[in-house]
């Protein structure tokens, strides 16, 4: 485990918070404004990846504190005190934290278009230090496209003049995309003019058809760029590893479900751990689909800047999750009224009236809807009881 625990005192909306992380996946859930993104920001400050600002101190207070518990730094804390000209920060150990693992953070604004440079000049070597993100508050893929162009230039030269095979760095990036998204393959840059364009273009094959990266949907572009960027940074951070994708790292994704098709929302948490088996993943989400696919121990529900005890069950119905964790009614009000009326009719033993309501719900929701199944079962039970109660002739 890379990060074990986060404790907050007077940080933004939190008066107190004691949050433990799972070694594989922790999912922060709740409605907008409940504190999910604040937890992410506090974690970054606690790991010395982001700096304090005056707005981080809870309104009405003059001091705040963040404690992060990691195997390497079990007692690290960062303390902020408001002063006249801003914020005074004192730290113990936190200021000296230099993670032995790679922390990667992908915030809400992580969409991208093809930004492949028209030409490249040899620059600073891509040493392990360049695997780190420059700004953990936002995501820019400019370096990814530059690195990809340079790496492909080197690969093409080695293949042409030295008879070499695929560059192992590029192989890792392409493999990560292919394993996570099996329908997408052969990520590469086409040179100027190859696609009828005046500049090089990033392309890939989808279901065997060659496509421009820019022609993909926003969800496809965002996900492919993020996965390729993660793999790229791992190859840079671990140049001597046989398989850089299996190295430990911390991966934080805010609003995990953003622009993702529901099927991807279901499958992506599992697939991420198949491709990056030693990643510690921390995500925030509004999606009941994501929540329905993870284990109960991995859920951390927040409401009004407090941690809730949850009774989430593995494989729980999405409608139940909407109500239990997100405070959202799972039915339209008019549909819920028909459901309530059907139950009232059953309670009053008005079986004909109940049958009419149930038939309406069956038509609207389908016979497999859990509420329709319950109502039909109750109706049959009451019918059977009434039949048994009839006097014999």
Protein backbone atom coordinates (compact mmCIF):
# COMPACT_ATOMS: atom_id res chain seq x y z
CA UNK A 1 0.00 0.00 0.00
CA UNK A 2 1.29 3.47 -0.93
CA UNK A 3 -1.13 5.69 1.02
CA UNK A 4 -2.83 4.25 4.11
CA UNK A 5 -4.74 7.07 5.75
CA UNK A 6 -5.72 10.74 5.49
CA UNK A 7 -6.74 12.85 8.50
CA UNK A 8 -8.08 16.39 8.14
CA UNK A 9 -8.77 19.15 10.65
CA UNK A 10 -10.54 22.34 9.54
CA UNK A 11 -9.73 21.75 5.87
CA UNK A 12 -12.27 23.56 3.65
CA UNK A 13 -15.67 22.13 4.57
CA UNK A 14 -14.27 19.39 6.81
CA UNK A 15 -14.08 19.94 10.55
CA UNK A 16 -12.63 16.47 11.10
CA UNK A 17 -12.12 13.53 8.76
CA UNK A 18 -10.33 10.23 9.27
CA UNK A 19 -10.24 8.32 6.00
CA UNK A 20 -8.55 4.96 5.42
CA UNK A 21 -7.63 3.85 1.91
CA UNK A 22 -7.75 0.35 0.46
CA UNK A 23 -4.54 -1.06 -1.06
CA UNK A 24 -6.15 -1.69 -4.46
CA UNK A 25 -9.13 0.63 -5.01
CA UNK A 26 -10.91 3.30 -2.98
CA UNK A 27 -14.06 4.89 -4.43
CA UNK A 28 -15.20 8.25 -3.02
CA UNK A 29 -18.91 8.71 -3.74
CA UNK A 30 -21.53 11.34 -3.01
CA UNK A 31 -23.43 14.24 -4.51
CA UNK A 32 -21.78 17.43 -5.76
CA UNK A 33 -20.36 19.56 -2.97
CA UNK A 34 -19.99 16.72 -0.46
CA UNK A 35 -16.19 16.99 -0.30
CA UNK A 36 -14.83 14.42 -2.77
CA UNK A 37 -12.53 16.80 -4.66
CA UNK A 38 -11.46 18.40 -1.37
CA UNK A 39 -10.22 14.98 -0.23
CA UNK A 40 -8.16 14.67 -3.41
CA UNK A 41 -6.67 18.14 -2.97
CA UNK A 42 -5.88 17.47 0.69
CA UNK A 43 -4.14 14.24 -0.25
CA UNK A 44 -1.97 16.08 -2.78
CA UNK A 45 -1.04 18.74 -0.21
CA UNK A 46 -0.28 16.05 2.35
CA UNK A 47 2.02 14.29 -0.12
CA UNK A 48 3.77 17.59 -0.89
CA UNK A 49 2.46 17.59 -4.47
CA UNK A 50 0.35 20.74 -4.12
CA UNK A 51 0.59 23.87 -1.96
CA UNK A 52 -1.79 25.38 0.55
CA UNK A 53 -3.89 28.42 -0.23
CA UNK A 54 -5.83 30.64 2.20
CA UNK A 55 -9.15 29.19 0.99
CA UNK A 56 -8.09 25.73 2.23
CA UNK A 57 -8.62 26.80 5.85
CA UNK A 58 -12.22 26.26 7.00
CA UNK A 59 -14.25 29.47 7.21
CA UNK A 60 -14.29 30.78 10.77
CA UNK A 61 -10.96 29.16 11.67
CA UNK A 62 -7.36 30.34 11.46
CA UNK A 63 -5.56 26.98 11.36
CA UNK A 64 -5.89 23.71 9.49
CA UNK A 65 -3.97 20.45 9.40
CA UNK A 66 -3.50 17.51 7.08
CA UNK A 67 -1.95 14.23 8.18
CA UNK A 68 -1.04 11.54 5.68
CA UNK A 69 0.02 8.07 6.73
CA UNK A 70 2.27 6.20 4.30
CA UNK A 71 4.64 3.28 4.94
CA UNK A 72 7.64 5.57 4.44
CA UNK A 73 6.26 8.54 6.41
CA UNK A 74 3.83 7.33 9.12
CA UNK A 75 3.88 10.63 11.05
CA UNK A 76 3.90 13.25 8.29
CA UNK A 77 1.68 16.28 8.67
CA UNK A 78 1.23 19.67 7.07
CA UNK A 79 -0.09 22.58 9.15
CA UNK A 80 -1.42 25.87 7.77
CA UNK A 81 -2.05 29.07 9.70
CA UNK A 82 -3.75 32.14 8.26
CA UNK A 83 -1.69 35.32 8.61
CA UNK A 84 -2.31 38.87 7.45
CA UNK A 85 -0.69 38.47 4.03
CA UNK A 86 -1.79 34.95 3.20
CA UNK A 87 -1.01 31.52 4.62
CA UNK A 88 1.90 30.40 6.78
CA UNK A 89 2.66 26.71 6.34
CA UNK A 90 4.61 24.58 8.77
CA UNK A 91 5.37 20.95 8.12
CA UNK A 92 6.90 18.03 9.88
CA UNK A 93 8.30 15.45 7.50
CA UNK A 94 5.73 16.37 4.84
CA UNK A 95 8.02 19.02 3.41
CA UNK A 96 10.70 16.37 2.99
CA UNK A 97 8.46 13.73 1.46
CA UNK A 98 9.81 12.43 -1.81
CA UNK A 99 7.58 9.51 -2.78
CA UNK A 100 9.44 6.36 -3.76
CA UNK A 101 6.55 5.61 -6.11
CA UNK A 102 5.10 7.54 -9.03
CA UNK A 103 1.99 9.59 -8.12
CA UNK A 104 -0.30 10.32 -11.08
CA UNK A 105 -3.37 12.54 -10.81
CA UNK A 106 -5.96 13.08 -13.55
CA UNK A 107 -8.43 15.81 -12.71
CA UNK A 108 -11.80 16.74 -14.15
CA UNK A 109 -10.33 18.66 -17.10
CA UNK A 110 -8.49 15.86 -18.89
CA UNK A 111 -9.93 15.92 -22.42
CA UNK A 112 -7.59 16.35 -25.38
CA UNK A 113 -7.20 16.57 -29.14
CA UNK A 114 -4.30 15.42 -31.30
CA UNK A 115 -1.38 17.71 -30.44
CA UNK A 116 1.37 15.89 -32.33
CA UNK A 117 4.15 18.41 -33.13
CA UNK A 118 5.00 19.02 -36.78
CA UNK A 119 8.70 18.54 -36.06
CA UNK A 120 10.88 17.77 -33.07
CA UNK A 121 14.31 18.81 -31.98
CA UNK A 122 16.46 16.77 -29.63
CA UNK A 123 15.92 18.22 -26.16
CA UNK A 124 16.33 17.21 -22.59
CA UNK A 125 16.64 13.41 -22.20
CA UNK A 126 13.53 11.61 -20.97
CA UNK A 127 15.07 10.61 -17.63
CA UNK A 128 13.07 9.17 -14.69
CA UNK A 129 12.46 12.62 -13.20
CA UNK A 130 10.44 13.56 -16.28
CA UNK A 131 7.91 10.84 -15.49
CA UNK A 132 6.50 13.12 -12.80
CA UNK A 133 3.61 15.45 -13.51
CA UNK A 134 4.53 19.13 -13.59
CA UNK A 135 1.16 20.37 -12.37
CA UNK A 136 -1.06 18.10 -10.32
CA UNK A 137 -3.94 20.53 -10.50
CA UNK A 138 -4.54 20.07 -14.24
CA UNK A 139 -3.68 17.65 -17.03
CA UNK A 140 -1.81 18.54 -20.20
CA UNK A 141 -0.98 15.95 -22.82
CA UNK A 142 1.45 18.15 -24.74
CA UNK A 143 4.44 16.23 -23.40
CA UNK A 144 2.78 12.92 -24.24
CA UNK A 145 2.42 13.82 -27.93
CA UNK A 146 5.98 15.21 -28.03
CA UNK A 147 7.38 12.07 -26.40
CA UNK A 148 5.38 9.81 -28.71
CA UNK A 149 6.66 11.63 -31.80
CA UNK A 150 10.29 11.45 -30.60
CA UNK A 151 10.00 7.79 -29.57
CA UNK A 152 8.50 6.82 -32.93
CA UNK A 153 11.24 8.71 -34.79
CA UNK A 154 13.84 6.72 -32.84
CA UNK A 155 11.96 3.47 -33.40
CA UNK A 156 11.70 4.02 -37.16
CA UNK A 157 15.40 4.85 -37.39
CA UNK A 158 16.41 1.77 -35.43
CA UNK A 159 14.18 -0.48 -37.53
CA UNK A 160 15.43 1.02 -40.80
CA UNK A 161 19.16 1.12 -40.10
CA UNK A 162 19.73 -1.42 -37.35
CA UNK A 163 17.09 -4.05 -38.06
CA UNK A 164 15.68 -3.58 -34.57
CA UNK A 165 12.16 -4.58 -33.54
CA UNK A 166 9.45 -2.55 -31.82
CA UNK A 167 10.71 -0.05 -29.25
CA UNK A 168 9.94 -1.56 -25.80
CA UNK A 169 8.68 1.80 -24.49
CA UNK A 170 6.19 2.12 -27.32
CA UNK A 171 5.32 -1.56 -27.01
CA UNK A 172 4.30 -0.97 -23.38
CA UNK A 173 2.13 2.02 -24.31
CA UNK A 174 0.43 0.20 -27.18
CA UNK A 175 -0.03 -2.90 -25.04
CA UNK A 176 -1.70 -0.92 -22.25
CA UNK A 177 -4.23 0.61 -24.66
CA UNK A 178 -4.89 -2.72 -26.38
CA UNK A 179 -5.39 -4.66 -23.14
CA UNK A 180 -7.64 -2.05 -21.59
CA UNK A 181 -9.63 -1.48 -24.80
CA UNK A 182 -9.36 -4.64 -26.93
CA UNK A 183 -11.10 -3.06 -29.94
CA UNK A 184 -8.38 -0.38 -30.25
CA UNK A 185 -4.92 -1.21 -31.60
CA UNK A 186 -1.86 0.00 -33.52
CA UNK A 187 -1.51 3.43 -31.92
CA UNK A 188 1.01 5.29 -34.07
CA UNK A 189 1.84 8.58 -35.78
CA UNK A 190 1.39 8.95 -39.52
CA UNK A 191 3.89 11.31 -41.11
CA UNK A 192 2.99 14.57 -42.81
CA UNK A 193 0.84 13.95 -45.88
CA UNK A 194 0.11 10.28 -45.13
CA UNK A 195 -3.46 11.09 -44.09
CA UNK A 196 -3.94 13.87 -46.63
CA UNK A 197 -2.97 16.44 -44.03
CA UNK A 198 -0.26 19.06 -43.71
CA UNK A 199 1.00 17.75 -40.40
CA UNK A 200 1.64 14.40 -38.69
CA UNK A 201 -1.47 12.81 -37.22
CA UNK A 202 -2.01 10.31 -34.45
CA UNK A 203 -3.97 7.28 -35.69
CA UNK A 204 -5.15 3.93 -34.43
CA UNK A 205 -7.26 1.02 -35.57
CA UNK A 206 -10.74 0.46 -34.15
CA UNK A 207 -12.29 -2.89 -35.01
CA UNK A 208 -9.73 -3.13 -37.83
CA UNK A 209 -10.53 0.27 -39.38
CA UNK A 210 -7.85 2.98 -39.47
CA UNK A 211 -9.05 6.18 -37.79
CA UNK A 212 -7.67 9.57 -36.87
CA UNK A 213 -7.43 10.10 -33.13
CA UNK A 214 -9.36 13.36 -33.58
CA UNK A 215 -12.28 11.49 -35.17
CA UNK A 216 -12.96 9.53 -31.98
CA UNK A 217 -15.57 10.57 -29.44
CA UNK A 218 -14.50 12.70 -26.49
CA UNK A 219 -14.82 9.71 -24.19
CA UNK A 220 -12.60 7.59 -26.42
CA UNK A 221 -9.97 10.31 -26.81
CA UNK A 222 -9.90 11.09 -23.10
CA UNK A 223 -9.57 7.47 -22.02
CA UNK A 224 -7.00 6.45 -24.63
CA UNK A 225 -4.83 9.51 -23.96
CA UNK A 226 -4.95 8.93 -20.20
CA UNK A 227 -4.06 5.24 -20.41
CA UNK A 228 -1.26 5.87 -22.91
CA UNK A 229 0.09 8.69 -20.75
CA UNK A 230 0.10 6.48 -17.64
CA UNK A 231 2.00 3.75 -19.50
CA UNK A 232 4.43 6.32 -20.96
CA UNK A 233 5.25 7.72 -17.52
CA UNK A 234 5.80 4.23 -16.12
CA UNK A 235 8.26 3.40 -18.92
CA UNK A 236 10.16 6.63 -18.22
CA UNK A 237 10.17 6.09 -14.44
CA UNK A 238 11.31 2.46 -14.73
CA UNK A 239 13.58 2.26 -17.82
CA UNK A 240 15.22 -1.00 -16.70
CA UNK A 241 12.06 -2.88 -15.69
CA UNK A 242 11.13 -5.96 -17.69
CA UNK A 243 7.49 -4.86 -17.52
CA UNK A 244 7.04 -1.24 -16.40
CA UNK A 245 3.25 -1.68 -16.29
CA UNK A 246 3.63 -3.92 -13.23
CA UNK A 247 5.49 -1.32 -11.13
CA UNK A 248 3.74 0.24 -8.10
CA UNK A 249 2.26 3.73 -8.45
CA UNK A 250 -0.55 5.88 -7.08
CA UNK A 251 -3.32 6.70 -9.56
CA UNK A 252 -5.93 9.32 -8.65
CA UNK A 253 -8.82 10.07 -11.03
CA UNK A 254 -11.42 12.74 -10.27
CA UNK A 255 -14.92 12.14 -11.72
CA UNK A 256 -13.90 8.73 -12.98
CA UNK A 257 -16.98 8.19 -15.16
CA UNK A 258 -16.56 11.41 -17.14
CA UNK A 259 -17.57 10.89 -20.81
CA UNK A 260 -17.47 7.09 -20.36
CA UNK A 261 -20.04 4.77 -21.92
CA UNK A 262 -21.95 2.81 -19.21
CA UNK A 263 -20.25 -0.44 -20.27
CA UNK A 264 -16.83 1.16 -19.78
CA UNK A 265 -17.96 2.45 -16.39
CA UNK A 266 -18.69 -1.13 -15.40
CA UNK A 267 -15.51 -2.68 -16.72
CA UNK A 268 -12.80 -0.06 -16.33
CA UNK A 269 -11.99 -0.46 -12.59
CA UNK A 270 -11.37 -4.18 -13.08
CA UNK A 271 -9.44 -3.75 -16.31
CA UNK A 272 -7.22 -1.03 -14.85
CA UNK A 273 -6.02 -3.50 -12.24
CA UNK A 274 -5.48 -6.16 -14.85
CA UNK A 275 -3.23 -3.82 -16.86
CA UNK A 276 -1.62 -2.08 -13.86
CA UNK A 277 -1.74 -4.80 -11.16
CA UNK A 278 0.26 -2.90 -8.51
CA UNK A 279 -1.49 0.45 -8.82
CA UNK A 280 -3.25 1.91 -5.81
CA UNK A 281 -6.29 3.54 -7.36
CA UNK A 282 -8.29 6.34 -5.70
CA UNK A 283 -11.27 7.67 -7.66
CA UNK A 284 -14.26 9.94 -7.17
CA UNK A 285 -17.54 9.26 -8.91
CA UNK A 286 -21.21 10.23 -9.18
CA UNK A 287 -21.99 7.04 -11.08
CA UNK A 288 -24.11 4.31 -9.45
CA UNK A 289 -22.95 2.05 -12.29
CA UNK A 290 -19.34 2.33 -11.10
CA UNK A 291 -20.40 1.77 -7.48
CA UNK A 292 -22.45 -1.31 -8.37
CA UNK A 293 -19.36 -3.05 -9.75
CA UNK A 294 -16.95 -2.58 -6.82
CA UNK A 295 -16.66 -4.31 -3.45
CA UNK A 296 -18.37 -2.85 -0.36
CA UNK A 297 -15.01 -2.47 1.42
CA UNK A 298 -13.86 -0.14 -1.38
CA UNK A 299 -16.67 2.42 -0.94
CA UNK A 300 -16.23 5.65 1.01
CA UNK A 301 -19.47 7.66 0.98
CA UNK A 302 -19.36 11.37 1.82
CA UNK A 303 -22.26 13.65 2.71
CA UNK A 304 -22.01 17.25 3.94
CA UNK A 305 -18.26 16.84 4.50
CA UNK A 306 -18.71 13.78 6.71
CA UNK A 307 -17.94 10.12 6.16
CA UNK A 308 -21.01 7.86 6.15
CA UNK A 309 -21.31 4.27 7.20
CA UNK A 310 -22.71 2.45 4.16
CA UNK A 311 -24.62 -0.77 3.73
CA UNK A 312 -23.69 -1.12 0.07
CA UNK A 313 -23.80 -4.70 -1.20
CA UNK A 314 -21.75 -6.10 -4.05
CA UNK A 315 -23.86 -6.20 -7.21
CA UNK A 316 -26.53 -3.96 -5.66
CA UNK A 317 -29.23 -2.65 -7.98
CA UNK A 318 -28.36 0.73 -9.50
CA UNK A 319 -31.71 2.22 -8.40
CA UNK A 320 -31.03 1.26 -4.78
CA UNK A 321 -27.56 2.82 -4.97
CA UNK A 322 -29.02 6.06 -6.30
CA UNK A 323 -31.21 6.37 -3.23
CA UNK A 324 -28.82 4.99 -0.60
CA UNK A 325 -25.56 6.73 -1.53
CA UNK A 326 -26.46 9.64 -3.79
CA UNK A 327 -29.71 10.80 -2.22
CA UNK A 328 -31.37 10.69 -5.62
CA UNK A 329 -34.86 9.32 -6.21
CA UNK A 330 -34.57 6.33 -8.49
CA UNK A 331 -38.05 6.81 -9.99
CA UNK A 332 -39.93 9.62 -11.65
CA UNK A 333 -42.41 11.08 -9.13
CA UNK A 334 -45.41 9.99 -11.20
CA UNK A 335 -44.07 6.43 -11.43
CA UNK A 336 -43.40 6.31 -7.70
CA UNK A 337 -46.99 7.43 -7.07
CA UNK A 338 -48.32 4.47 -9.08
CA UNK A 339 -46.04 2.13 -7.08
CA UNK A 340 -47.28 3.61 -3.80
CA UNK A 341 -50.90 3.35 -4.95
CA UNK A 342 -50.37 -0.32 -5.86
CA UNK A 343 -49.02 -1.08 -2.38
CA UNK A 344 -51.90 0.86 -0.79
CA UNK A 345 -54.40 -1.18 -2.80
CA UNK A 346 -52.76 -4.41 -1.66
CA UNK A 347 -52.80 -3.21 1.96
CA UNK A 348 -56.55 -2.51 1.62
CA UNK A 349 -57.09 -5.92 -0.03
CA UNK A 350 -58.36 -4.18 -3.19
CA UNK A 351 -56.84 -6.78 -5.51
CA UNK A 352 -58.56 -5.66 -8.71
CA UNK A 353 -57.34 -2.09 -8.22
CA UNK A 354 -53.85 -3.39 -7.39
CA UNK A 355 -53.87 -5.58 -10.50
CA UNK A 356 -54.63 -2.54 -12.70
CA UNK A 357 -51.76 -0.56 -11.14
CA UNK A 358 -49.36 -3.48 -11.47
CA UNK A 359 -50.29 -3.93 -15.14
CA UNK A 360 -49.52 -0.23 -15.73
CA UNK A 361 -46.11 -0.60 -14.05
CA UNK A 362 -45.40 -3.81 -15.97
CA UNK A 363 -45.95 -1.91 -19.21
CA UNK A 364 -43.84 1.09 -18.12
CA UNK A 365 -40.96 -0.63 -16.33
CA UNK A 366 -40.96 -4.18 -17.64
CA UNK A 367 -41.68 -7.42 -15.86
CA UNK A 368 -38.09 -7.78 -14.58
CA UNK A 369 -38.11 -4.55 -12.59
CA UNK A 370 -37.55 -5.45 -8.89
CA UNK A 371 -40.53 -3.41 -7.70
CA UNK A 372 -42.85 -4.99 -10.29
CA UNK A 373 -41.64 -8.46 -9.27
CA UNK A 374 -42.35 -7.70 -5.58
CA UNK A 375 -45.82 -6.36 -6.32
CA UNK A 376 -46.74 -9.35 -8.50
CA UNK A 377 -45.51 -11.74 -5.81
CA UNK A 378 -47.53 -10.01 -3.09
CA UNK A 379 -50.60 -9.96 -5.34
CA UNK A 380 -50.34 -13.72 -5.98
CA UNK A 381 -49.88 -14.41 -2.26
CA UNK A 382 -52.96 -12.36 -1.35
CA UNK A 383 -55.00 -14.01 -4.11
CA UNK A 384 -54.00 -17.43 -2.81
CA UNK A 385 -54.83 -16.48 0.77
CA UNK A 386 -58.27 -15.21 -0.27
CA UNK A 387 -58.94 -18.38 -2.26
CA UNK A 388 -58.02 -20.51 0.75
CA UNK A 389 -60.36 -18.45 2.92
CA UNK A 390 -63.43 -19.15 0.73
CA UNK A 391 -65.98 -21.46 2.43
CA UNK A 392 -66.46 -24.91 0.98
CA UNK A 393 -69.80 -25.52 -0.76
